[in-house]
Amino acid sequence: MSSRKETSENEHCLVIKWSKDGKSLREIASFIRKSYGCVQKIIQKYRKTGSLANIPGRGCKEILSTTEKRKIIRSLKKNPKLSAPKLASSMVSEIGRNISAEIVKTCSL
């Protein structure tokens, strides 16, 4: 199974253009290398809303706010030799919720 990824507005434009030119959904799907259902959904959404833009609010939500990220980075700068699991456990008191070591690693990048 492939990972889910939003289609770009360029792909949306191509789908609508080719659809108006009379191409079949299967031909369009093979051109842009997306599934038949994906192409079908793009056309349905365009007919319903008249918009090519992706719906805002989709996708992965941010786990930490910018303030929380800054707190993690600040504590990393104070003690750079602190491991990610230890830093994650020490952040519970500052942030007020549990975070994993993986989240700490992504903040430090």
N, C-alpha and C. Protein backbone atom coordinates (compact mmCIF):
# COMPACT_ATOMS: atom_id res chain seq x y z
N MET A 1 0.84 -1.17 0.00
CA MET A 1 0.00 0.00 0.00
C MET A 1 0.89 1.24 0.00
N SER A 2 0.57 2.21 -0.84
CA SER A 2 1.38 3.42 -0.92
C SER A 2 0.97 4.39 0.18
N SER A 3 1.90 5.30 0.49
CA SER A 3 1.58 6.30 1.49
C SER A 3 0.66 7.34 0.88
N ARG A 4 -0.18 7.92 1.70
CA ARG A 4 -1.13 8.91 1.20
C ARG A 4 -0.43 10.25 1.10
N LYS A 5 -0.63 10.88 -0.04
CA LYS A 5 0.02 12.16 -0.29
C LYS A 5 -0.95 13.02 -1.07
N GLU A 6 -1.05 14.28 -0.70
CA GLU A 6 -1.95 15.18 -1.40
C GLU A 6 -1.45 15.43 -2.81
N THR A 7 -2.39 15.58 -3.73
CA THR A 7 -2.02 15.92 -5.09
C THR A 7 -1.82 17.43 -5.18
N SER A 8 -0.92 17.85 -6.03
CA SER A 8 -0.62 19.27 -6.15
C SER A 8 -1.68 19.97 -7.00
N GLU A 9 -1.67 21.29 -6.93
CA GLU A 9 -2.63 22.06 -7.75
C GLU A 9 -2.33 21.91 -9.23
N ASN A 10 -1.06 21.72 -9.57
CA ASN A 10 -0.70 21.49 -10.98
C ASN A 10 -1.36 20.22 -11.49
N GLU A 11 -1.32 19.17 -10.66
CA GLU A 11 -1.96 17.91 -11.06
C GLU A 11 -3.47 18.10 -11.18
N HIS A 12 -4.05 18.88 -10.29
CA HIS A 12 -5.49 19.15 -10.35
C HIS A 12 -5.82 19.86 -11.67
N CYS A 13 -5.00 20.86 -12.04
CA CYS A 13 -5.23 21.61 -13.28
C CYS A 13 -5.16 20.68 -14.49
N LEU A 14 -4.15 19.80 -14.50
CA LEU A 14 -4.02 18.87 -15.62
C LEU A 14 -5.23 17.94 -15.72
N VAL A 15 -5.68 17.45 -14.58
CA VAL A 15 -6.83 16.53 -14.57
C VAL A 15 -8.06 17.24 -15.15
N ILE A 16 -8.33 18.45 -14.70
CA ILE A 16 -9.51 19.19 -15.18
C ILE A 16 -9.37 19.52 -16.66
N LYS A 17 -8.18 19.95 -17.06
CA LYS A 17 -7.95 20.30 -18.47
C LYS A 17 -8.18 19.09 -19.37
N TRP A 18 -7.57 17.97 -19.01
CA TRP A 18 -7.72 16.77 -19.83
C TRP A 18 -9.15 16.24 -19.79
N SER A 19 -9.81 16.43 -18.67
CA SER A 19 -11.21 16.00 -18.57
C SER A 19 -12.07 16.82 -19.52
N LYS A 20 -11.82 18.13 -19.58
CA LYS A 20 -12.58 18.99 -20.49
C LYS A 20 -12.25 18.70 -21.95
N ASP A 21 -11.02 18.21 -22.19
CA ASP A 21 -10.62 17.85 -23.56
C ASP A 21 -11.20 16.52 -24.01
N GLY A 22 -11.88 15.83 -23.13
CA GLY A 22 -12.54 14.58 -23.50
C GLY A 22 -11.75 13.33 -23.21
N LYS A 23 -10.67 13.42 -22.49
CA LYS A 23 -9.90 12.22 -22.13
C LYS A 23 -10.68 11.41 -21.09
N SER A 24 -10.50 10.10 -21.13
CA SER A 24 -11.16 9.25 -20.15
C SER A 24 -10.43 9.32 -18.81
N LEU A 25 -11.12 8.93 -17.76
CA LEU A 25 -10.52 8.97 -16.43
C LEU A 25 -9.32 8.04 -16.33
N ARG A 26 -9.39 6.90 -16.99
CA ARG A 26 -8.27 5.95 -16.95
C ARG A 26 -7.06 6.51 -17.69
N GLU A 27 -7.27 7.20 -18.80
CA GLU A 27 -6.15 7.81 -19.53
C GLU A 27 -5.49 8.89 -18.67
N ILE A 28 -6.32 9.72 -18.04
CA ILE A 28 -5.78 10.78 -17.18
C ILE A 28 -4.99 10.18 -16.03
N ALA A 29 -5.53 9.12 -15.44
CA ALA A 29 -4.86 8.47 -14.31
C ALA A 29 -3.51 7.92 -14.73
N SER A 30 -3.42 7.35 -15.91
CA SER A 30 -2.13 6.82 -16.36
C SER A 30 -1.15 7.94 -16.71
N PHE A 31 -1.65 9.07 -17.20
CA PHE A 31 -0.78 10.21 -17.52
C PHE A 31 -0.12 10.78 -16.27
N ILE A 32 -0.91 10.99 -15.22
CA ILE A 32 -0.35 11.63 -14.01
C ILE A 32 0.09 10.61 -12.96
N ARG A 33 -0.06 9.33 -13.28
CA ARG A 33 0.37 8.24 -12.40
C ARG A 33 -0.31 8.29 -11.03
N LYS A 34 -1.62 8.48 -11.07
CA LYS A 34 -2.46 8.43 -9.88
C LYS A 34 -3.53 7.39 -10.15
N SER A 35 -4.24 7.02 -9.12
CA SER A 35 -5.28 6.01 -9.29
C SER A 35 -6.52 6.61 -9.97
N TYR A 36 -7.33 5.72 -10.51
CA TYR A 36 -8.58 6.10 -11.15
C TYR A 36 -9.46 6.84 -10.15
N GLY A 37 -9.52 6.33 -8.93
CA GLY A 37 -10.34 6.93 -7.89
C GLY A 37 -9.88 8.33 -7.52
N CYS A 38 -8.58 8.54 -7.52
CA CYS A 38 -8.02 9.86 -7.21
C CYS A 38 -8.47 10.87 -8.26
N VAL A 39 -8.36 10.50 -9.52
CA VAL A 39 -8.77 11.38 -10.61
C VAL A 39 -10.26 11.66 -10.52
N GLN A 40 -11.03 10.63 -10.22
CA GLN A 40 -12.47 10.77 -10.10
C GLN A 40 -12.83 11.75 -8.98
N LYS A 41 -12.17 11.64 -7.84
CA LYS A 41 -12.42 12.54 -6.71
C LYS A 41 -12.07 13.99 -7.05
N ILE A 42 -10.97 14.20 -7.78
CA ILE A 42 -10.56 15.55 -8.16
C ILE A 42 -11.64 16.19 -9.03
N ILE A 43 -12.15 15.43 -9.99
CA ILE A 43 -13.18 15.96 -10.89
C ILE A 43 -14.48 16.22 -10.13
N GLN A 44 -14.85 15.29 -9.25
CA GLN A 44 -16.07 15.48 -8.45
C GLN A 44 -15.97 16.73 -7.59
N LYS A 45 -14.83 16.93 -6.95
CA LYS A 45 -14.64 18.10 -6.08
C LYS A 45 -14.68 19.39 -6.90
N TYR A 46 -14.09 19.35 -8.10
CA TYR A 46 -14.11 20.54 -8.95
C TYR A 46 -15.53 20.88 -9.38
N ARG A 47 -16.31 19.88 -9.73
CA ARG A 47 -17.69 20.12 -10.15
C ARG A 47 -18.55 20.63 -8.99
N LYS A 48 -18.26 20.14 -7.79
CA LYS A 48 -19.04 20.53 -6.62
C LYS A 48 -18.67 21.93 -6.12
N THR A 49 -17.36 22.22 -5.99
CA THR A 49 -16.93 23.48 -5.40
C THR A 49 -16.44 24.50 -6.42
N GLY A 50 -15.99 24.04 -7.58
CA GLY A 50 -15.43 24.95 -8.57
C GLY A 50 -14.01 25.38 -8.24
N SER A 51 -13.41 24.75 -7.25
CA SER A 51 -12.08 25.12 -6.80
C SER A 51 -11.09 24.00 -7.07
N LEU A 52 -9.85 24.38 -7.33
CA LEU A 52 -8.80 23.39 -7.55
C LEU A 52 -7.93 23.20 -6.30
N ALA A 53 -8.07 24.08 -5.32
CA ALA A 53 -7.19 24.05 -4.14
C ALA A 53 -7.53 22.87 -3.24
N ASN A 54 -6.50 22.38 -2.54
CA ASN A 54 -6.71 21.33 -1.55
C ASN A 54 -7.46 21.91 -0.36
N ILE A 55 -8.21 21.08 0.31
CA ILE A 55 -8.98 21.52 1.46
C ILE A 55 -8.00 21.81 2.60
N PRO A 56 -8.06 23.01 3.18
CA PRO A 56 -7.14 23.31 4.28
C PRO A 56 -7.46 22.48 5.51
N GLY A 57 -6.44 22.21 6.30
CA GLY A 57 -6.64 21.44 7.51
C GLY A 57 -6.41 19.96 7.34
N ARG A 58 -6.08 19.55 6.14
CA ARG A 58 -5.79 18.14 5.90
C ARG A 58 -4.34 17.87 6.22
N GLY A 59 -4.01 16.62 6.36
CA GLY A 59 -2.63 16.26 6.58
C GLY A 59 -2.31 16.11 8.06
N CYS A 60 -1.07 15.88 8.31
CA CYS A 60 -0.60 15.62 9.67
C CYS A 60 -0.58 16.91 10.48
N LYS A 61 -1.16 16.88 11.66
CA LYS A 61 -1.20 18.06 12.51
C LYS A 61 0.12 18.19 13.26
N GLU A 62 0.46 19.41 13.63
CA GLU A 62 1.67 19.67 14.40
C GLU A 62 1.48 19.12 15.81
N ILE A 63 2.46 18.41 16.29
CA ILE A 63 2.39 17.82 17.62
C ILE A 63 2.73 18.86 18.68
N LEU A 64 3.75 19.65 18.40
CA LEU A 64 4.19 20.67 19.36
C LEU A 64 3.96 22.06 18.79
N SER A 65 3.65 23.00 19.67
CA SER A 65 3.54 24.39 19.24
C SER A 65 4.94 24.97 19.09
N THR A 66 5.02 26.15 18.52
CA THR A 66 6.34 26.78 18.33
C THR A 66 6.98 27.10 19.68
N THR A 67 6.17 27.46 20.67
CA THR A 67 6.71 27.75 22.00
C THR A 67 7.33 26.49 22.61
N GLU A 68 6.65 25.37 22.46
CA GLU A 68 7.17 24.11 23.00
C GLU A 68 8.44 23.69 22.28
N LYS A 69 8.49 23.89 20.98
CA LYS A 69 9.70 23.57 20.23
C LYS A 69 10.87 24.42 20.70
N ARG A 70 10.61 25.72 20.93
CA ARG A 70 11.66 26.61 21.41
C ARG A 70 12.18 26.18 22.77
N LYS A 71 11.28 25.71 23.65
CA LYS A 71 11.70 25.24 24.98
C LYS A 71 12.64 24.04 24.86
N ILE A 72 12.32 23.14 23.96
CA ILE A 72 13.16 21.96 23.75
C ILE A 72 14.53 22.37 23.21
N ILE A 73 14.54 23.25 22.23
CA ILE A 73 15.80 23.70 21.65
C ILE A 73 16.64 24.45 22.68
N ARG A 74 15.98 25.28 23.50
CA ARG A 74 16.71 26.02 24.54
C ARG A 74 17.37 25.07 25.53
N SER A 75 16.64 24.03 25.94
CA SER A 75 17.23 23.08 26.88
C SER A 75 18.34 22.25 26.23
N LEU A 76 18.23 22.01 24.93
CA LEU A 76 19.31 21.32 24.21
C LEU A 76 20.56 22.18 24.14
N LYS A 77 20.38 23.48 23.98
CA LYS A 77 21.54 24.37 23.92
C LYS A 77 22.23 24.47 25.28
N LYS A 78 21.43 24.38 26.35
CA LYS A 78 22.01 24.43 27.70
C LYS A 78 22.84 23.19 27.98
N ASN A 79 22.32 22.04 27.58
CA ASN A 79 23.00 20.78 27.85
C ASN A 79 22.97 19.91 26.59
N PRO A 80 23.90 20.09 25.66
CA PRO A 80 23.87 19.36 24.39
C PRO A 80 24.17 17.87 24.51
N LYS A 81 24.72 17.43 25.62
CA LYS A 81 25.05 16.00 25.77
C LYS A 81 23.88 15.19 26.33
N LEU A 82 22.78 15.84 26.62
CA LEU A 82 21.61 15.15 27.17
C LEU A 82 20.96 14.30 26.08
N SER A 83 20.65 13.05 26.41
CA SER A 83 20.07 12.15 25.41
C SER A 83 18.59 12.51 25.18
N ALA A 84 18.07 12.08 24.04
CA ALA A 84 16.69 12.40 23.68
C ALA A 84 15.67 11.81 24.67
N PRO A 85 15.81 10.55 25.10
CA PRO A 85 14.84 10.03 26.08
C PRO A 85 14.85 10.79 27.41
N LYS A 86 16.05 11.15 27.87
CA LYS A 86 16.14 11.90 29.12
C LYS A 86 15.54 13.29 28.97
N LEU A 87 15.82 13.92 27.84
CA LEU A 87 15.27 15.25 27.59
C LEU A 87 13.74 15.19 27.48
N ALA A 88 13.23 14.14 26.84
CA ALA A 88 11.78 13.99 26.72
C ALA A 88 11.12 13.84 28.08
N SER A 89 11.74 13.05 28.95
CA SER A 89 11.16 12.87 30.29
C SER A 89 11.26 14.15 31.13
N SER A 90 12.32 14.94 30.92
CA SER A 90 12.46 16.18 31.67
C SER A 90 11.53 17.28 31.15
N MET A 91 11.09 17.16 29.91
CA MET A 91 10.20 18.16 29.31
C MET A 91 8.76 18.04 29.82
N VAL A 92 8.43 16.91 30.45
CA VAL A 92 7.07 16.71 30.94
C VAL A 92 6.69 17.81 31.93
N SER A 93 7.62 18.18 32.80
CA SER A 93 7.32 19.22 33.79
C SER A 93 7.21 20.61 33.15
N GLU A 94 8.00 20.86 32.11
CA GLU A 94 7.97 22.18 31.47
C GLU A 94 6.79 22.34 30.53
N ILE A 95 6.54 21.33 29.71
CA ILE A 95 5.48 21.42 28.71
C ILE A 95 4.13 21.04 29.31
N GLY A 96 4.13 20.09 30.21
CA GLY A 96 2.89 19.68 30.84
C GLY A 96 2.23 18.46 30.21
N ARG A 97 2.94 17.79 29.31
CA ARG A 97 2.42 16.55 28.73
C ARG A 97 3.58 15.68 28.28
N ASN A 98 3.30 14.41 28.10
CA ASN A 98 4.35 13.47 27.70
C ASN A 98 4.68 13.64 26.22
N ILE A 99 5.95 13.62 25.91
CA ILE A 99 6.39 13.61 24.53
C ILE A 99 7.42 12.49 24.37
N SER A 100 7.54 12.00 23.16
CA SER A 100 8.46 10.89 22.92
C SER A 100 9.84 11.41 22.54
N ALA A 101 10.80 10.51 22.58
CA ALA A 101 12.18 10.86 22.19
C ALA A 101 12.24 11.19 20.70
N GLU A 102 11.39 10.57 19.90
CA GLU A 102 11.36 10.85 18.46
C GLU A 102 10.96 12.29 18.19
N ILE A 103 10.02 12.80 18.95
CA ILE A 103 9.59 14.19 18.79
C ILE A 103 10.74 15.13 19.14
N VAL A 104 11.47 14.80 20.19
CA VAL A 104 12.61 15.61 20.59
C VAL A 104 13.66 15.61 19.50
N LYS A 105 13.88 14.47 18.86
CA LYS A 105 14.86 14.38 17.79
C LYS A 105 14.46 15.24 16.60
N THR A 106 13.17 15.28 16.26
CA THR A 106 12.75 16.09 15.12
C THR A 106 12.87 17.58 15.42
N CYS A 107 12.72 17.96 16.68
CA CYS A 107 12.86 19.38 17.04
C CYS A 107 14.31 19.82 16.96
N SER A 108 15.22 18.92 17.25
CA SER A 108 16.64 19.30 17.30
C SER A 108 17.27 19.37 15.92
N LEU A 109 16.59 18.93 14.90
CA LEU A 109 17.15 18.98 13.54
C LEU A 109 17.16 20.35 12.97
